[in-house]
Amino acid sequence: MTKRSIQRDLIKENLISRYDHPTADMVYQSIQQQLPNISLGTVYRNLRFLVENGDAISLKLGDGREHFDGHLQPHYHFICSECGGIEDIFMDEIPICSQAAKHCSGEIQGHCTYFYGLCKNCGPKH
């Protein structure tokens, strides 16, 4: 068992407190205000630890960077094709795994679904 650390606790709290789906660099910049001596490597290692232990979600959103989400309840993500903004969509789960299992010879253990379009700021102005 890995012992708790102040750095990991602050990183986890930081992820839970935000909805912008930050990159490791963004978390580092935010945590640095509280822990000026923390290194970017420490932030990366702790984010990886949180993801591997189910305390954070890693997202690949098509911009070449890894993003993180501290909200673990089932939800989906909407990504604006124009500005790259990310919005959480909290709704009933889509039964996609059970439907896909009917067409798959393996055991489906989860899925990742992104919705794309234009956010309210980038879409048509009314």
C-alpha atoms as a PDB file:
ATOM      1  CA  MET A   1       0.000   0.000   0.000  1.00  0.00           C
ATOM      2  CA  THR A   2       1.296   3.428  -0.946  1.00  0.00           C
ATOM      3  CA  LYS A   3       1.237   6.019   1.790  1.00  0.00           C
ATOM      4  CA  ARG A   4      -0.723   9.220   1.415  1.00  0.00           C
ATOM      5  CA  SER A   5       1.074  12.398   0.508  1.00  0.00           C
ATOM      6  CA  ILE A   6       0.250  16.068   0.821  1.00  0.00           C
ATOM      7  CA  GLN A   7       1.049  16.551  -2.862  1.00  0.00           C
ATOM      8  CA  ARG A   8      -1.312  13.775  -3.988  1.00  0.00           C
ATOM      9  CA  ASP A   9      -4.096  15.011  -1.713  1.00  0.00           C
ATOM     10  CA  LEU A  10      -3.782  18.563  -3.085  1.00  0.00           C
ATOM     11  CA  ILE A  11      -3.731  17.329  -6.689  1.00  0.00           C
ATOM     12  CA  LYS A  12      -6.839  15.222  -6.082  1.00  0.00           C
ATOM     13  CA  GLU A  13      -8.622  18.153  -4.371  1.00  0.00           C
ATOM     14  CA  ASN A  14      -7.616  20.381  -7.282  1.00  0.00           C
ATOM     15  CA  LEU A  15      -9.145  17.992  -9.822  1.00  0.00           C
ATOM     16  CA  ILE A  16     -12.372  17.646  -7.847  1.00  0.00           C
ATOM     17  CA  SER A  17     -12.732  21.420  -7.528  1.00  0.00           C
ATOM     18  CA  ARG A  18     -12.635  22.132 -11.254  1.00  0.00           C
ATOM     19  CA  TYR A  19     -14.619  21.328 -14.373  1.00  0.00           C
ATOM     20  CA  ASP A  20     -12.164  22.489 -17.044  1.00  0.00           C
ATOM     21  CA  HIS A  21     -10.545  19.056 -17.490  1.00  0.00           C
ATOM     22  CA  PRO A  22      -6.988  20.309 -16.965  1.00  0.00           C
ATOM     23  CA  THR A  23      -3.755  19.006 -18.401  1.00  0.00           C
ATOM     24  CA  ALA A  24      -0.881  18.130 -16.057  1.00  0.00           C
ATOM     25  CA  ASP A  25       0.656  21.545 -16.786  1.00  0.00           C
ATOM     26  CA  MET A  26      -2.539  23.290 -15.735  1.00  0.00           C
ATOM     27  CA  VAL A  27      -2.694  21.293 -12.493  1.00  0.00           C
ATOM     28  CA  TYR A  28       0.991  22.060 -11.879  1.00  0.00           C
ATOM     29  CA  GLN A  29       0.433  25.801 -12.293  1.00  0.00           C
ATOM     30  CA  SER A  30      -2.519  25.713  -9.921  1.00  0.00           C
ATOM     31  CA  ILE A  31      -0.826  23.529  -7.261  1.00  0.00           C
ATOM     32  CA  GLN A  32       2.351  25.608  -7.409  1.00  0.00           C
ATOM     33  CA  GLN A  33       0.521  28.426  -5.626  1.00  0.00           C
ATOM     34  CA  GLN A  34       0.068  26.171  -2.587  1.00  0.00           C
ATOM     35  CA  LEU A  35       3.292  24.170  -2.892  1.00  0.00           C
ATOM     36  CA  PRO A  36       5.922  26.386  -4.572  1.00  0.00           C
ATOM     37  CA  ASN A  37       8.565  23.636  -4.507  1.00  0.00           C
ATOM     38  CA  ILE A  38       6.493  20.951  -6.246  1.00  0.00           C
ATOM     39  CA  SER A  39       7.938  19.722  -9.544  1.00  0.00           C
ATOM     40  CA  LEU A  40       6.091  19.032 -12.762  1.00  0.00           C
ATOM     41  CA  GLY A  41       7.375  15.446 -12.554  1.00  0.00           C
ATOM     42  CA  THR A  42       5.734  15.024  -9.155  1.00  0.00           C
ATOM     43  CA  VAL A  43       2.438  16.274 -10.576  1.00  0.00           C
ATOM     44  CA  TYR A  44       2.692  13.840 -13.523  1.00  0.00           C
ATOM     45  CA  ARG A  45       3.527  10.879 -11.239  1.00  0.00           C
ATOM     46  CA  ASN A  46       0.680  11.653  -8.860  1.00  0.00           C
ATOM     47  CA  LEU A  47      -1.846  12.153 -11.656  1.00  0.00           C
ATOM     48  CA  ARG A  48      -0.799   8.792 -13.105  1.00  0.00           C
ATOM     49  CA  PHE A  49      -1.175   7.218  -9.640  1.00  0.00           C
ATOM     50  CA  LEU A  50      -4.671   8.715  -9.220  1.00  0.00           C
ATOM     51  CA  VAL A  51      -5.756   7.419 -12.638  1.00  0.00           C
ATOM     52  CA  GLU A  52      -4.304   3.946 -12.053  1.00  0.00           C
ATOM     53  CA  ASN A  53      -6.069   3.724  -8.683  1.00  0.00           C
ATOM     54  CA  GLY A  54      -9.445   4.914  -9.947  1.00  0.00           C
ATOM     55  CA  ASP A  55      -9.352   8.331  -8.271  1.00  0.00           C
ATOM     56  CA  ALA A  56      -9.202  10.312 -11.538  1.00  0.00           C
ATOM     57  CA  ILE A  57     -10.036   9.811 -15.192  1.00  0.00           C
ATOM     58  CA  SER A  58      -7.599  10.298 -18.073  1.00  0.00           C
ATOM     59  CA  LEU A  59      -9.123  11.847 -21.187  1.00  0.00           C
ATOM     60  CA  LYS A  60      -7.714  11.983 -24.720  1.00  0.00           C
ATOM     61  CA  LEU A  61      -9.679  14.767 -26.364  1.00  0.00           C
ATOM     62  CA  GLY A  62      -8.034  14.985 -29.755  1.00  0.00           C
ATOM     63  CA  ASP A  63      -5.699  17.900 -29.036  1.00  0.00           C
ATOM     64  CA  GLY A  64      -2.622  15.722 -28.447  1.00  0.00           C
ATOM     65  CA  ARG A  65      -2.604  16.354 -24.701  1.00  0.00           C
ATOM     66  CA  GLU A  66      -3.820  14.233 -21.828  1.00  0.00           C
ATOM     67  CA  HIS A  67      -6.564  15.833 -19.746  1.00  0.00           C
ATOM     68  CA  PHE A  68      -7.762  14.789 -16.302  1.00  0.00           C
ATOM     69  CA  ASP A  69     -11.143  14.660 -14.627  1.00  0.00           C
ATOM     70  CA  GLY A  70     -11.671  14.264 -10.895  1.00  0.00           C
ATOM     71  CA  HIS A  71     -15.396  13.644 -11.194  1.00  0.00           C
ATOM     72  CA  LEU A  72     -15.873   9.900 -11.098  1.00  0.00           C
ATOM     73  CA  GLN A  73     -19.642   9.598 -11.291  1.00  0.00           C
ATOM     74  CA  PRO A  74     -20.718   8.296 -14.709  1.00  0.00           C
ATOM     75  CA  HIS A  75     -20.917  11.117 -17.223  1.00  0.00           C
ATOM     76  CA  TYR A  76     -20.057  12.031 -20.774  1.00  0.00           C
ATOM     77  CA  HIS A  77     -18.128  14.893 -22.355  1.00  0.00           C
ATOM     78  CA  PHE A  78     -19.042  17.457 -24.983  1.00  0.00           C
ATOM     79  CA  ILE A  79     -16.112  18.960 -26.892  1.00  0.00           C
ATOM     80  CA  CYS A  80     -16.491  22.151 -28.907  1.00  0.00           C
ATOM     81  CA  SER A  81     -15.036  21.621 -32.375  1.00  0.00           C
ATOM     82  CA  GLU A  82     -14.248  25.327 -32.636  1.00  0.00           C
ATOM     83  CA  CYS A  83     -12.669  26.411 -29.318  1.00  0.00           C
ATOM     84  CA  GLY A  84     -11.846  22.997 -27.806  1.00  0.00           C
ATOM     85  CA  GLY A  85     -13.870  23.714 -24.667  1.00  0.00           C
ATOM     86  CA  ILE A  86     -15.013  20.682 -22.706  1.00  0.00           C
ATOM     87  CA  GLU A  87     -18.307  20.365 -20.876  1.00  0.00           C
ATOM     88  CA  ASP A  88     -19.518  17.557 -18.635  1.00  0.00           C
ATOM     89  CA  ILE A  89     -22.840  15.971 -19.572  1.00  0.00           C
ATOM     90  CA  PHE A  90     -24.520  14.352 -16.597  1.00  0.00           C
ATOM     91  CA  MET A  91     -27.364  12.159 -17.836  1.00  0.00           C
ATOM     92  CA  ASP A  92     -28.557   8.593 -17.674  1.00  0.00           C
ATOM     93  CA  GLU A  93     -25.985   6.202 -19.035  1.00  0.00           C
ATOM     94  CA  ILE A  94     -26.385   5.052 -22.603  1.00  0.00           C
ATOM     95  CA  PRO A  95     -26.677   1.223 -22.680  1.00  0.00           C
ATOM     96  CA  ILE A  96     -23.932   1.097 -25.288  1.00  0.00           C
ATOM     97  CA  CYS A  97     -21.888  -1.641 -23.564  1.00  0.00           C
ATOM     98  CA  SER A  98     -24.770  -4.120 -23.486  1.00  0.00           C
ATOM     99  CA  GLN A  99     -25.585  -3.345 -27.126  1.00  0.00           C
ATOM    100  CA  ALA A 100     -21.943  -3.680 -28.212  1.00  0.00           C
ATOM    101  CA  ALA A 101     -21.567  -6.938 -26.287  1.00  0.00           C
ATOM    102  CA  LYS A 102     -24.120  -8.499 -28.638  1.00  0.00           C
ATOM    103  CA  HIS A 103     -21.675  -7.901 -31.514  1.00  0.00           C
ATOM    104  CA  CYS A 104     -18.378  -8.627 -29.783  1.00  0.00           C
ATOM    105  CA  SER A 105     -16.665 -11.908 -28.930  1.00  0.00           C
ATOM    106  CA  GLY A 106     -14.750 -10.372 -26.007  1.00  0.00           C
ATOM    107  CA  GLU A 107     -15.802  -9.068 -22.612  1.00  0.00           C
ATOM    108  CA  ILE A 108     -16.616  -5.362 -22.686  1.00  0.00           C
ATOM    109  CA  GLN A 109     -15.589  -3.657 -19.454  1.00  0.00           C
ATOM    110  CA  GLY A 110     -16.431  -0.042 -20.244  1.00  0.00           C
ATOM    111  CA  HIS A 111     -16.607   2.632 -22.895  1.00  0.00           C
ATOM    112  CA  CYS A 112     -15.600   6.204 -23.576  1.00  0.00           C
ATOM    113  CA  THR A 113     -17.994   8.445 -25.473  1.00  0.00           C
ATOM    114  CA  TYR A 114     -17.408  12.029 -26.583  1.00  0.00           C
ATOM    115  CA  PHE A 115     -19.971  14.310 -28.153  1.00  0.00           C
ATOM    116  CA  TYR A 116     -18.721  16.981 -30.569  1.00  0.00           C
ATOM    117  CA  GLY A 117     -20.272  20.182 -31.850  1.00  0.00           C
ATOM    118  CA  LEU A 118     -20.275  23.913 -31.263  1.00  0.00           C
ATOM    119  CA  CYS A 119     -20.594  25.303 -27.743  1.00  0.00           C
ATOM    120  CA  LYS A 120     -22.976  28.151 -26.940  1.00  0.00           C
ATOM    121  CA  ASN A 121     -20.169  30.693 -27.455  1.00  0.00           C
ATOM    122  CA  CYS A 122     -19.063  29.345 -30.849  1.00  0.00           C
ATOM    123  CA  GLY A 123     -22.440  28.319 -32.280  1.00  0.00           C
ATOM    124  CA  PRO A 124     -24.917  30.482 -34.128  1.00  0.00           C
ATOM    125  CA  LYS A 125     -25.734  33.722 -32.343  1.00  0.00           C
ATOM    126  CA  HIS A 126     -29.471  34.233 -31.784  1.00  0.00           C
END
